[in-house]
Amino acid sequence: MTAPWLHIVGIGEDGLDGLTAATRAVVEAAEVIIGGSRHHALAETIAAERLAWPSPFDAMIETIQKLRGRRAVILVTGDPLWFSVGARIGRAIDPAEIVYHPQLSAFQLAAARMGWSLADVETLTVHGRPVEQMIAFIQPDARLLVLTTGEQTPAQIARFLTERGFGQSRMTVLAAMGGKDEKRFDGTAADWTHTVPPFNTLAVECIAAPDAALLPRVPGLSDALFQSDGTMTKQEVRAATLAKLMPMRGALLWDLGCGSGSVAIEWMRAARYARAIGIEPRADRRAMAGANAMALGAPKFEIIDGSVPEALFGLPAPDAIFIGGGLSRDTFDAAWNALRPLGRLVANAVTLESEAELIALHQSFGGELVRISIHRAEPVGRLTGWRPAMPVTQWSLVKR
């Protein structure tokens, strides 16, 4: 086994003084130090060759690998393995060759400043990522700690909160924590006007107004929350569909004939880092799906112009597949062959022709076949009666 040669060191605003004696000795003995301008400034007294992060970041991996055999140190902020580059480097270089030196993370410092139990908050990052992904975490009484992208991010998040009826949420921006220039800015989302430093951590205590939008991460959001031309998987059927698809952390869904994107978006909201690829041949529906993804906190939803099964070839293997439109034996065969072991496949049908296809597939492959019937109470003149929606036949199975 190769001996460790690369040290990834977390450093705080207190610079070298905040490091343990052993970690400081590693930094002082370095032949080459890699980091951002902030990190180099925090260790400017060390005599070593200096390298800055390039853009794109992937170019740095090759540079780091060429340093094997030298005393190399990478400086990062806080904990190298908590929303930091340490994990990315560890995927490219054998972790057995790396020594990680964690420092207090921004989350730990922010929780201490706020007096919050870190176990009871959601920790998020929008640093270099779409800010909209935090929308899925706006819940009554939730506490959020957010690593931000820059000085404009808190104002963007304040707008998201206000637009959803959480304008009275308390917001605190913490900057340069642990250093001589530490700053704090407090306010509410509806009245947020602060100009803050570009490198900061945001704490949010979500407070809902009586008319606030309730957007749980449990599947089954109201149909009214989605832009649609009417051909979407409706609320109750969507909840049943997602229960069979079983969203899991980091798992990938293929949504075939995604329409407004309702199933894929709820899949992504239901589990941390869940991913989804939607296939949709109509441009108007792709536009609606994209708008829905941004509004509901799933900005990384990937939407592809194409038809199945042709559009499936070359895509990463999925953990789950939903066939909401365009069902055929060719589509099923291509999807089933691509599905990973223990993958889940769910297909819904409303027409007799599609139902006949599901019945034939069920006879060949097994699984569960159910019919879902929904009735809604609606006005009948001056009275109220039950109006049925079109029944949905649902076939689901797990690949074993």
Protein backbone atom coordinates (compact mmCIF):
# COMPACT_ATOMS: atom_id res chain seq x y z
CA MET A 1 0.00 0.00 0.00
CA THR A 2 1.30 3.47 -0.93
CA ALA A 3 2.30 5.59 2.07
CA PRO A 4 0.47 8.91 2.58
CA TRP A 5 2.20 11.80 0.82
CA LEU A 6 -0.56 14.40 0.43
CA HIS A 7 -1.85 16.46 3.37
CA ILE A 8 -5.18 18.29 3.12
CA VAL A 9 -5.31 20.82 5.94
CA GLY A 10 -8.34 22.71 7.18
CA ILE A 11 -7.47 26.22 8.26
CA GLY A 12 -9.58 28.89 9.90
CA GLU A 13 -9.53 32.68 10.11
CA ASP A 14 -7.01 32.43 12.95
CA GLY A 15 -4.51 30.98 10.48
CA LEU A 16 -1.53 28.96 11.66
CA ASP A 17 -2.27 29.81 15.29
CA GLY A 18 -5.44 27.73 15.13
CA LEU A 19 -3.68 24.55 14.00
CA THR A 20 -2.51 21.81 16.29
CA ALA A 21 1.25 21.60 16.76
CA ALA A 22 1.47 18.46 14.60
CA THR A 23 -0.58 19.95 11.77
CA ARG A 24 1.34 23.22 11.88
CA ALA A 25 4.59 21.26 11.58
CA VAL A 26 3.25 19.57 8.44
CA VAL A 27 2.41 22.95 6.87
CA GLU A 28 5.74 24.49 7.83
CA ALA A 29 7.62 21.55 6.27
CA ALA A 30 5.71 21.71 2.97
CA GLU A 31 7.60 22.05 -0.29
CA VAL A 32 4.48 23.12 -2.19
CA ILE A 33 1.18 24.55 -0.92
CA ILE A 34 -2.04 24.65 -2.94
CA GLY A 35 -4.99 26.84 -2.00
CA GLY A 36 -7.07 29.89 -2.71
CA SER A 37 -5.84 33.42 -2.13
CA ARG A 38 -7.49 33.47 1.32
CA HIS A 39 -5.68 30.31 2.35
CA HIS A 40 -2.29 31.49 1.15
CA ALA A 41 -2.76 34.76 3.07
CA LEU A 42 -3.52 32.80 6.25
CA ALA A 43 -0.20 30.95 5.94
CA GLU A 44 1.90 33.61 4.23
CA THR A 45 4.92 33.16 6.53
CA ILE A 46 5.63 29.66 5.22
CA ALA A 47 8.39 29.46 2.62
CA ALA A 48 7.06 27.05 -0.02
CA GLU A 49 6.14 26.96 -3.67
CA ARG A 50 2.59 28.28 -4.07
CA LEU A 51 -0.10 27.05 -6.46
CA ALA A 52 -3.57 28.58 -6.83
CA TRP A 53 -6.80 26.75 -7.68
CA PRO A 54 -7.36 26.71 -11.44
CA SER A 55 -10.64 26.91 -13.31
CA PRO A 56 -12.00 24.38 -14.06
CA PHE A 57 -11.16 22.56 -10.85
CA ASP A 58 -10.65 19.21 -12.62
CA ALA A 59 -7.40 20.59 -14.05
CA MET A 60 -5.99 20.63 -10.50
CA ILE A 61 -6.31 16.86 -10.03
CA GLU A 62 -3.63 16.20 -12.65
CA THR A 63 -1.43 18.88 -11.07
CA ILE A 64 -1.82 17.32 -7.62
CA GLN A 65 -0.99 13.84 -8.92
CA LYS A 66 2.26 15.14 -10.38
CA LEU A 67 3.33 16.22 -6.88
CA ARG A 68 3.65 12.63 -5.67
CA GLY A 69 7.07 12.31 -4.03
CA ARG A 70 7.12 15.91 -2.77
CA ARG A 71 5.90 17.29 0.57
CA ALA A 72 2.54 18.63 -0.67
CA VAL A 73 -0.10 20.44 1.38
CA ILE A 74 -3.53 21.60 0.26
CA LEU A 75 -5.15 24.31 2.37
CA VAL A 76 -8.94 24.44 2.58
CA THR A 77 -11.45 26.13 4.84
CA GLY A 78 -12.60 24.24 7.93
CA ASP A 79 -13.30 20.53 7.57
CA PRO A 80 -11.84 19.16 4.29
CA LEU A 81 -14.53 16.48 4.07
CA TRP A 82 -17.63 18.56 4.81
CA PHE A 83 -18.80 20.33 1.62
CA SER A 84 -15.16 20.86 0.68
CA VAL A 85 -12.68 19.72 -1.97
CA GLY A 86 -11.29 16.92 0.19
CA ALA A 87 -13.96 14.47 -0.90
CA ARG A 88 -13.48 15.32 -4.58
CA ILE A 89 -9.72 14.79 -4.32
CA GLY A 90 -10.29 11.55 -2.40
CA ARG A 91 -12.31 10.19 -5.33
CA ALA A 92 -9.41 10.82 -7.73
CA ILE A 93 -6.52 9.83 -5.45
CA ASP A 94 -6.45 6.77 -3.21
CA PRO A 95 -7.51 7.97 0.27
CA ALA A 96 -4.71 5.79 1.69
CA GLU A 97 -2.29 8.33 0.16
CA ILE A 98 -3.96 11.28 1.88
CA VAL A 99 -3.86 12.57 5.45
CA TYR A 100 -6.78 14.84 6.35
CA HIS A 101 -6.34 17.49 9.06
CA PRO A 102 -9.82 18.78 9.98
CA GLN A 103 -10.44 22.18 11.53
CA LEU A 104 -13.70 23.44 12.99
CA SER A 105 -16.16 23.77 10.12
CA ALA A 106 -18.20 26.88 9.36
CA PHE A 107 -21.26 24.88 10.42
CA GLN A 108 -19.81 24.14 13.85
CA LEU A 109 -18.77 27.74 14.37
CA ALA A 110 -22.13 29.09 13.17
CA ALA A 111 -24.06 26.67 15.39
CA ALA A 112 -21.98 27.81 18.36
CA ARG A 113 -22.61 31.49 17.54
CA MET A 114 -26.36 30.84 17.26
CA GLY A 115 -26.58 28.50 20.24
CA TRP A 116 -28.13 25.82 18.05
CA SER A 117 -27.67 22.07 18.39
CA LEU A 118 -25.95 20.99 15.19
CA ALA A 119 -27.87 17.71 15.27
CA ASP A 120 -31.14 19.64 14.97
CA VAL A 121 -30.38 21.79 11.92
CA GLU A 122 -30.14 21.21 8.17
CA THR A 123 -26.65 21.90 6.82
CA LEU A 124 -26.61 23.01 3.19
CA THR A 125 -24.24 24.50 0.67
CA VAL A 126 -25.06 26.72 -2.29
CA HIS A 127 -21.43 27.67 -2.73
CA GLY A 128 -20.82 27.30 -6.47
CA ARG A 129 -24.20 25.57 -6.82
CA PRO A 130 -27.72 26.72 -7.77
CA VAL A 131 -29.16 28.76 -4.90
CA GLU A 132 -32.64 27.42 -5.68
CA GLN A 133 -31.79 24.00 -4.25
CA MET A 134 -32.31 25.36 -0.72
CA ILE A 135 -36.02 25.98 -1.46
CA ALA A 136 -36.85 22.33 -0.73
CA PHE A 137 -35.72 22.85 2.88
CA ILE A 138 -38.05 25.80 3.68
CA GLN A 139 -40.31 24.29 6.34
CA PRO A 140 -42.11 25.75 9.38
CA ASP A 141 -39.75 25.94 12.38
CA ALA A 142 -36.79 24.55 10.41
CA ARG A 143 -33.32 25.84 11.20
CA LEU A 144 -30.91 26.04 8.28
CA LEU A 145 -27.17 26.68 8.10
CA VAL A 146 -26.15 27.56 4.56
CA LEU A 147 -22.70 28.03 3.04
CA THR A 148 -23.34 30.75 0.49
CA THR A 149 -22.06 31.62 -2.94
CA GLY A 150 -21.37 35.30 -2.29
CA GLU A 151 -22.57 38.64 -1.03
CA GLN A 152 -25.84 38.48 -3.03
CA THR A 153 -26.91 35.02 -1.87
CA PRO A 154 -28.54 35.98 1.46
CA ALA A 155 -30.75 38.49 -0.37
CA GLN A 156 -31.78 35.81 -2.87
CA ILE A 157 -32.66 33.41 -0.07
CA ALA A 158 -34.57 36.19 1.71
CA ARG A 159 -36.65 36.59 -1.45
CA PHE A 160 -37.35 32.85 -1.68
CA LEU A 161 -38.54 32.87 1.94
CA THR A 162 -40.72 35.95 1.52
CA GLU A 163 -42.36 34.72 -1.68
CA ARG A 164 -43.41 31.52 0.11
CA GLY A 165 -44.89 33.19 3.17
CA PHE A 166 -41.82 32.94 5.42
CA GLY A 167 -40.97 36.65 5.40
CA GLN A 168 -40.70 36.85 9.20
CA SER A 169 -37.97 34.20 9.25
CA ARG A 170 -34.93 35.35 11.22
CA MET A 171 -31.70 35.52 9.23
CA THR A 172 -28.14 35.92 10.47
CA VAL A 173 -25.08 36.25 8.28
CA LEU A 174 -21.77 35.33 9.93
CA ALA A 175 -18.48 36.27 8.25
CA ALA A 176 -14.81 35.68 9.07
CA MET A 177 -15.77 33.54 12.07
CA GLY A 178 -12.91 32.96 14.47
CA GLY A 179 -10.81 35.83 13.13
CA LYS A 180 -10.15 39.42 14.16
CA ASP A 181 -12.53 40.70 11.45
CA GLU A 182 -15.52 38.54 12.42
CA LYS A 183 -18.85 40.20 11.57
CA ARG A 184 -22.50 39.46 12.19
CA PHE A 185 -25.61 40.78 10.42
CA ASP A 186 -29.15 40.12 11.72
CA GLY A 187 -32.56 40.76 10.21
CA THR A 188 -35.71 39.17 8.82
CA ALA A 189 -36.25 37.87 5.32
CA ALA A 190 -38.91 40.43 4.42
CA ASP A 191 -36.73 43.37 5.53
CA TRP A 192 -33.29 42.11 4.51
CA THR A 193 -31.15 45.01 3.20
CA HIS A 194 -27.67 44.22 4.55
CA THR A 195 -24.57 44.39 2.40
CA VAL A 196 -22.44 41.48 3.58
CA PRO A 197 -18.92 40.17 2.87
CA PRO A 198 -18.72 37.76 -0.09
CA PHE A 199 -17.50 34.80 2.03
CA ASN A 200 -20.14 34.07 4.64
CA THR A 201 -22.38 31.53 6.33
CA LEU A 202 -26.13 32.11 6.63
CA ALA A 203 -28.30 30.93 9.54
CA VAL A 204 -32.06 30.87 8.96
CA GLU A 205 -34.81 30.21 11.47
CA CYS A 206 -37.88 29.57 9.32
CA ILE A 207 -41.07 31.22 10.62
CA ALA A 208 -44.26 30.56 8.65
CA ALA A 209 -47.13 33.01 8.26
CA PRO A 210 -50.68 31.60 8.46
CA ASP A 211 -50.89 31.66 4.64
CA ALA A 212 -47.41 30.24 4.03
CA ALA A 213 -46.90 27.63 1.35
CA LEU A 214 -46.51 24.18 2.87
CA LEU A 215 -44.07 22.22 0.72
CA PRO A 216 -43.21 19.00 2.58
CA ARG A 217 -40.50 16.76 1.19
CA VAL A 218 -42.85 13.81 1.53
CA PRO A 219 -44.25 13.20 -1.99
CA GLY A 220 -47.73 14.40 -2.84
CA LEU A 221 -47.47 18.16 -3.44
CA SER A 222 -50.62 19.92 -4.61
CA ASP A 223 -51.16 19.87 -8.36
CA ALA A 224 -51.64 23.64 -8.21
CA LEU A 225 -47.93 24.10 -7.42
CA PHE A 226 -46.93 22.83 -10.87
CA GLN A 227 -47.20 24.51 -14.23
CA SER A 228 -48.98 21.96 -16.43
CA ASP A 229 -51.11 21.52 -19.52
CA GLY A 230 -53.20 19.00 -17.57
CA THR A 231 -51.34 15.84 -18.62
CA MET A 232 -49.44 15.43 -15.37
CA THR A 233 -49.35 12.62 -12.81
CA LYS A 234 -51.90 13.88 -10.29
CA GLN A 235 -51.23 14.36 -6.59
CA GLU A 236 -52.54 11.11 -5.07
CA VAL A 237 -51.28 8.91 -7.91
CA ARG A 238 -47.92 10.71 -7.78
CA ALA A 239 -47.57 9.94 -4.07
CA ALA A 240 -48.34 6.26 -4.70
CA THR A 241 -45.93 6.21 -7.65
CA LEU A 242 -43.05 7.66 -5.64
CA ALA A 243 -43.69 5.23 -2.81
CA LYS A 244 -42.99 2.41 -5.26
CA LEU A 245 -39.99 4.22 -6.82
CA MET A 246 -38.45 4.56 -3.32
CA PRO A 247 -36.30 7.75 -3.45
CA MET A 248 -32.92 7.25 -1.79
CA ARG A 249 -29.90 9.42 -1.09
CA GLY A 250 -27.92 10.10 -4.26
CA ALA A 251 -30.05 7.73 -6.38
CA LEU A 252 -30.77 8.44 -10.06
CA LEU A 253 -34.25 8.36 -11.63
CA TRP A 254 -35.14 8.21 -15.29
CA ASP A 255 -38.52 9.89 -15.89
CA LEU A 256 -39.64 8.78 -19.35
CA GLY A 257 -42.16 11.16 -20.88
CA CYS A 258 -41.66 13.53 -17.95
CA GLY A 259 -44.23 16.16 -19.01
CA SER A 260 -44.33 18.83 -16.32
CA GLY A 261 -41.66 16.96 -14.35
CA SER A 262 -43.79 16.44 -11.25
CA VAL A 263 -42.58 12.89 -10.47
CA ALA A 264 -38.90 13.67 -11.05
CA ILE A 265 -39.06 16.88 -9.02
CA GLU A 266 -40.70 15.18 -6.06
CA TRP A 267 -38.14 12.36 -6.33
CA MET A 268 -35.33 14.91 -6.00
CA ARG A 269 -37.02 16.68 -3.09
CA ALA A 270 -37.63 13.44 -1.19
CA ALA A 271 -33.98 12.40 -0.64
CA ARG A 272 -30.73 14.33 -0.23
CA TYR A 273 -28.68 14.51 -3.45
CA ALA A 274 -31.22 12.43 -5.41
CA ARG A 275 -30.80 13.00 -9.17
CA ALA A 276 -33.21 12.78 -12.07
CA ILE A 277 -33.09 12.78 -15.87
CA GLY A 278 -36.32 13.52 -17.70
CA ILE A 279 -36.97 12.61 -21.35
CA GLU A 280 -39.59 14.77 -23.06
CA PRO A 281 -40.03 15.39 -26.81
CA ARG A 282 -42.25 18.48 -26.52
CA ALA A 283 -40.50 21.82 -26.02
CA ASP A 284 -43.44 23.44 -24.19
CA ARG A 285 -43.50 20.67 -21.61
CA ARG A 286 -39.72 20.78 -21.17
CA ALA A 287 -40.05 24.50 -20.47
CA MET A 288 -42.75 23.86 -17.85
CA ALA A 289 -40.68 21.11 -16.24
CA GLY A 290 -37.67 23.41 -16.03
CA ALA A 291 -39.72 26.21 -14.46
CA ASN A 292 -41.25 23.78 -11.96
CA ALA A 293 -37.83 22.44 -11.00
CA MET A 294 -36.50 25.94 -10.27
CA ALA A 295 -39.60 26.98 -8.30
CA LEU A 296 -39.70 23.84 -6.14
CA GLY A 297 -36.02 23.47 -5.30
CA ALA A 298 -34.78 20.89 -7.83
CA PRO A 299 -32.60 23.04 -10.12
CA LYS A 300 -30.32 20.13 -11.06
CA PHE A 301 -33.15 18.25 -12.80
CA GLU A 302 -31.69 17.32 -16.21
CA ILE A 303 -34.27 17.48 -19.02
CA ILE A 304 -33.46 15.93 -22.39
CA ASP A 305 -35.16 16.56 -25.72
CA GLY A 306 -35.85 13.14 -27.18
CA SER A 307 -38.13 10.16 -27.56
CA VAL A 308 -37.87 6.76 -25.95
CA PRO A 309 -36.27 4.33 -26.33
CA GLU A 310 -33.73 6.07 -28.62
CA ALA A 311 -32.91 8.82 -26.10
CA LEU A 312 -31.97 6.30 -23.39
CA PHE A 313 -28.78 5.01 -24.96
CA GLY A 314 -25.62 6.42 -23.38
CA LEU A 315 -27.32 7.71 -20.22
CA PRO A 316 -25.90 6.72 -16.79
CA ALA A 317 -27.54 3.61 -15.36
CA PRO A 318 -30.55 4.50 -13.19
CA ASP A 319 -31.63 3.29 -9.77
CA ALA A 320 -35.29 3.80 -10.63
CA ILE A 321 -37.35 4.36 -13.77
CA PHE A 322 -40.80 5.87 -14.15
CA ILE A 323 -42.65 5.36 -17.42
CA GLY A 324 -45.43 7.91 -17.49
CA GLY A 325 -45.84 8.10 -21.25
CA GLY A 326 -44.78 6.35 -24.44
CA LEU A 327 -44.99 2.84 -23.01
CA SER A 328 -44.04 0.08 -25.45
CA ARG A 329 -42.28 -3.25 -25.27
CA ASP A 330 -39.17 -1.70 -26.86
CA THR A 331 -39.16 1.07 -24.25
CA PHE A 332 -39.54 -1.42 -21.42
CA ASP A 333 -36.77 -3.67 -22.75
CA ALA A 334 -34.32 -0.77 -23.08
CA ALA A 335 -35.23 0.58 -19.63
CA TRP A 336 -35.15 -2.80 -17.88
CA ASN A 337 -31.77 -3.70 -19.37
CA ALA A 338 -30.31 -0.36 -18.20
CA LEU A 339 -31.75 -0.54 -14.68
CA ARG A 340 -29.25 -1.32 -11.93
CA PRO A 341 -29.68 -4.36 -9.64
CA LEU A 342 -32.31 -3.66 -6.97
CA GLY A 343 -33.61 -0.90 -9.25
CA ARG A 344 -37.30 -0.05 -9.19
CA LEU A 345 -39.50 0.37 -12.26
CA VAL A 346 -42.99 1.86 -12.19
CA ALA A 347 -45.27 2.33 -15.19
CA ASN A 348 -48.67 4.01 -15.15
CA ALA A 349 -51.37 3.67 -17.78
CA VAL A 350 -54.74 5.36 -18.33
CA THR A 351 -55.66 4.05 -21.80
CA LEU A 352 -56.90 0.54 -22.55
CA GLU A 353 -54.05 0.00 -24.99
CA SER A 354 -51.37 0.93 -22.44
CA GLU A 355 -53.16 -1.11 -19.78
CA ALA A 356 -53.08 -4.17 -22.05
CA GLU A 357 -49.32 -3.67 -22.46
CA LEU A 358 -48.90 -3.52 -18.66
CA ILE A 359 -50.93 -6.68 -18.16
CA ALA A 360 -48.80 -8.53 -20.70
CA LEU A 361 -45.58 -7.32 -19.07
CA HIS A 362 -46.90 -8.30 -15.64
CA GLN A 363 -47.62 -11.81 -16.91
CA SER A 364 -44.05 -12.09 -18.25
CA PHE A 365 -42.07 -10.38 -15.47
CA GLY A 366 -44.25 -10.44 -12.36
CA GLY A 367 -44.29 -7.52 -9.96
CA GLU A 368 -47.39 -5.78 -8.62
CA LEU A 369 -50.34 -4.65 -10.71
CA VAL A 370 -52.86 -2.32 -9.09
CA ARG A 371 -55.60 0.03 -10.19
CA ILE A 372 -55.83 3.43 -8.50
CA SER A 373 -59.17 5.22 -8.52
CA ILE A 374 -59.59 8.73 -7.13
CA HIS A 375 -62.88 10.56 -6.50
CA ARG A 376 -63.04 14.24 -5.54
CA ALA A 377 -65.90 16.03 -3.87
CA GLU A 378 -67.14 18.77 -6.23
CA PRO A 379 -70.23 20.96 -6.52
CA VAL A 380 -73.27 19.41 -8.14
CA GLY A 381 -75.58 22.36 -8.51
CA ARG A 382 -76.18 23.60 -4.98
CA LEU A 383 -75.05 20.28 -3.50
CA THR A 384 -71.85 18.26 -3.49
CA GLY A 385 -71.04 14.95 -5.14
CA TRP A 386 -68.16 12.66 -6.00
CA ARG A 387 -66.54 13.21 -9.39
CA PRO A 388 -64.23 10.38 -10.48
CA ALA A 389 -60.88 10.94 -12.14
CA MET A 390 -59.70 8.53 -14.83
CA PRO A 391 -58.51 5.35 -13.11
CA VAL A 392 -54.80 4.60 -13.36
CA THR A 393 -53.36 1.12 -13.77
CA GLN A 394 -49.95 0.89 -12.12
CA TRP A 395 -47.36 -1.82 -12.60
CA SER A 396 -44.26 -1.91 -10.37
CA LEU A 397 -41.40 -4.30 -9.83
CA VAL A 398 -37.89 -4.53 -8.41
CA LYS A 399 -34.97 -5.86 -10.45
CA ARG A 400 -33.39 -8.74 -8.53
